[in-house]
Amino acid sequence: MRMNHFGYSNPRVDALCDRADAELDMNKRAPLYQQADLIAMDDVAVLPITYYSIPTLIKPYVHNVAFNLNGPMPHYTTRIQHQ
């Protein structure tokens, strides 16, 4: 899923992303995304900063809850310690 809420369009970026999406070898895939990213960053006129908030209620007796504040990315977690 591409998060293109602003209607950015560049045929070179689209072609690189399409190639990267189809590439199974991560050693070949990552450089394609990096190339697309460099082109997109050169084109950028607006740099949107977005974040999502997910309100969560936690009972006082629950401890050491692991949260993922950025969506489904388990390598970004926050540990909450109740006092």
C-alpha atoms as a PDB file:
ATOM      1  CA  MET A   1       0.000   0.000   0.000  1.00  0.00           C
ATOM      2  CA  ARG A   2       1.408   3.349  -0.991  1.00  0.00           C
ATOM      3  CA  MET A   3       0.563   6.265   1.238  1.00  0.00           C
ATOM      4  CA  ASN A   4       0.141   8.858  -1.488  1.00  0.00           C
ATOM      5  CA  HIS A   5      -2.593  11.025  -0.016  1.00  0.00           C
ATOM      6  CA  PHE A   6      -1.281  14.128  -1.788  1.00  0.00           C
ATOM      7  CA  GLY A   7      -1.402  12.927  -5.402  1.00  0.00           C
ATOM      8  CA  TYR A   8       2.359  12.882  -6.026  1.00  0.00           C
ATOM      9  CA  SER A   9       3.100  11.526  -9.484  1.00  0.00           C
ATOM     10  CA  ASN A  10       6.389  10.810 -11.230  1.00  0.00           C
ATOM     11  CA  PRO A  11       6.605   8.060 -13.868  1.00  0.00           C
ATOM     12  CA  ARG A  12      10.266   7.322 -12.979  1.00  0.00           C
ATOM     13  CA  VAL A  13       9.414   6.845  -9.301  1.00  0.00           C
ATOM     14  CA  ASP A  14       6.398   4.684 -10.180  1.00  0.00           C
ATOM     15  CA  ALA A  15       8.491   2.496 -12.492  1.00  0.00           C
ATOM     16  CA  LEU A  16      11.220   2.016  -9.862  1.00  0.00           C
ATOM     17  CA  CYS A  17       8.642   1.164  -7.188  1.00  0.00           C
ATOM     18  CA  ASP A  18       6.897  -1.293  -9.519  1.00  0.00           C
ATOM     19  CA  ARG A  19      10.233  -3.007 -10.219  1.00  0.00           C
ATOM     20  CA  ALA A  20      11.060  -3.088  -6.510  1.00  0.00           C
ATOM     21  CA  ASP A  21       7.612  -4.449  -5.622  1.00  0.00           C
ATOM     22  CA  ALA A  22       8.171  -7.358  -8.032  1.00  0.00           C
ATOM     23  CA  GLU A  23      11.763  -8.083  -6.914  1.00  0.00           C
ATOM     24  CA  LEU A  24      12.128 -10.949  -4.438  1.00  0.00           C
ATOM     25  CA  ASP A  25      15.836 -10.428  -3.704  1.00  0.00           C
ATOM     26  CA  MET A  26      16.108  -7.770  -0.980  1.00  0.00           C
ATOM     27  CA  ASN A  27      19.684  -6.944  -2.074  1.00  0.00           C
ATOM     28  CA  LYS A  28      18.269  -5.880  -5.450  1.00  0.00           C
ATOM     29  CA  ARG A  29      14.990  -4.521  -4.093  1.00  0.00           C
ATOM     30  CA  ALA A  30      16.308  -2.014  -1.535  1.00  0.00           C
ATOM     31  CA  PRO A  31      18.442  -0.007  -4.002  1.00  0.00           C
ATOM     32  CA  LEU A  32      15.429   0.404  -6.294  1.00  0.00           C
ATOM     33  CA  TYR A  33      13.400   1.904  -3.449  1.00  0.00           C
ATOM     34  CA  GLN A  34      16.379   4.081  -2.502  1.00  0.00           C
ATOM     35  CA  GLN A  35      16.599   5.429  -6.059  1.00  0.00           C
ATOM     36  CA  ALA A  36      12.860   6.142  -6.075  1.00  0.00           C
ATOM     37  CA  ASP A  37      13.153   7.854  -2.704  1.00  0.00           C
ATOM     38  CA  LEU A  38      15.973  10.128  -3.909  1.00  0.00           C
ATOM     39  CA  ILE A  39      13.968  11.196  -6.952  1.00  0.00           C
ATOM     40  CA  ALA A  40      10.862  11.825  -4.848  1.00  0.00           C
ATOM     41  CA  MET A  41      12.833  13.860  -2.314  1.00  0.00           C
ATOM     42  CA  ASP A  42      14.262  16.017  -5.117  1.00  0.00           C
ATOM     43  CA  ASP A  43      10.700  16.649  -6.333  1.00  0.00           C
ATOM     44  CA  VAL A  44       9.192  17.384  -2.933  1.00  0.00           C
ATOM     45  CA  ALA A  45       7.508  20.731  -2.429  1.00  0.00           C
ATOM     46  CA  VAL A  46       5.700  19.773   0.774  1.00  0.00           C
ATOM     47  CA  LEU A  47       6.912  17.410   3.456  1.00  0.00           C
ATOM     48  CA  PRO A  48       3.840  16.183   5.306  1.00  0.00           C
ATOM     49  CA  ILE A  49       4.386  14.934   8.826  1.00  0.00           C
ATOM     50  CA  THR A  50       1.638  12.600   9.904  1.00  0.00           C
ATOM     51  CA  TYR A  51       1.118  10.381  12.878  1.00  0.00           C
ATOM     52  CA  TYR A  52      -1.705   8.321  14.230  1.00  0.00           C
ATOM     53  CA  SER A  53      -2.845   8.129  17.799  1.00  0.00           C
ATOM     54  CA  ILE A  54      -4.497   5.022  19.196  1.00  0.00           C
ATOM     55  CA  PRO A  55      -6.009   5.717  22.615  1.00  0.00           C
ATOM     56  CA  THR A  56      -5.656   2.666  24.848  1.00  0.00           C
ATOM     57  CA  LEU A  57      -7.034   2.009  28.312  1.00  0.00           C
ATOM     58  CA  ILE A  58      -4.862  -0.136  30.574  1.00  0.00           C
ATOM     59  CA  LYS A  59      -5.910  -1.492  33.934  1.00  0.00           C
ATOM     60  CA  PRO A  60      -3.588  -0.384  36.776  1.00  0.00           C
ATOM     61  CA  TYR A  61      -2.528  -3.991  37.485  1.00  0.00           C
ATOM     62  CA  VAL A  62      -1.270  -4.604  33.930  1.00  0.00           C
ATOM     63  CA  HIS A  63       2.529  -4.244  33.673  1.00  0.00           C
ATOM     64  CA  ASN A  64       5.199  -4.263  30.926  1.00  0.00           C
ATOM     65  CA  VAL A  65       2.862  -3.860  27.973  1.00  0.00           C
ATOM     66  CA  ALA A  66       4.641  -3.710  24.600  1.00  0.00           C
ATOM     67  CA  PHE A  67       3.091  -1.175  22.230  1.00  0.00           C
ATOM     68  CA  ASN A  68       3.777  -0.577  18.593  1.00  0.00           C
ATOM     69  CA  LEU A  69       3.080   3.122  18.098  1.00  0.00           C
ATOM     70  CA  ASN A  70       3.869   3.153  14.359  1.00  0.00           C
ATOM     71  CA  GLY A  71       1.595   0.410  13.090  1.00  0.00           C
ATOM     72  CA  PRO A  72       2.584  -3.173  12.268  1.00  0.00           C
ATOM     73  CA  MET A  73       6.331  -2.757  12.803  1.00  0.00           C
ATOM     74  CA  PRO A  74       7.395  -4.954  15.725  1.00  0.00           C
ATOM     75  CA  HIS A  75      10.927  -3.556  15.737  1.00  0.00           C
ATOM     76  CA  TYR A  76       9.501  -0.209  16.945  1.00  0.00           C
ATOM     77  CA  THR A  77       7.993  -0.864  20.343  1.00  0.00           C
ATOM     78  CA  THR A  78       7.564   1.090  23.522  1.00  0.00           C
ATOM     79  CA  ARG A  79       7.471  -0.462  26.964  1.00  0.00           C
ATOM     80  CA  ILE A  80       5.147   1.161  29.454  1.00  0.00           C
ATOM     81  CA  GLN A  81       6.011   0.742  33.110  1.00  0.00           C
ATOM     82  CA  HIS A  82       3.209   1.371  35.603  1.00  0.00           C
ATOM     83  CA  GLN A  83       4.239   2.683  39.009  1.00  0.00           C
END
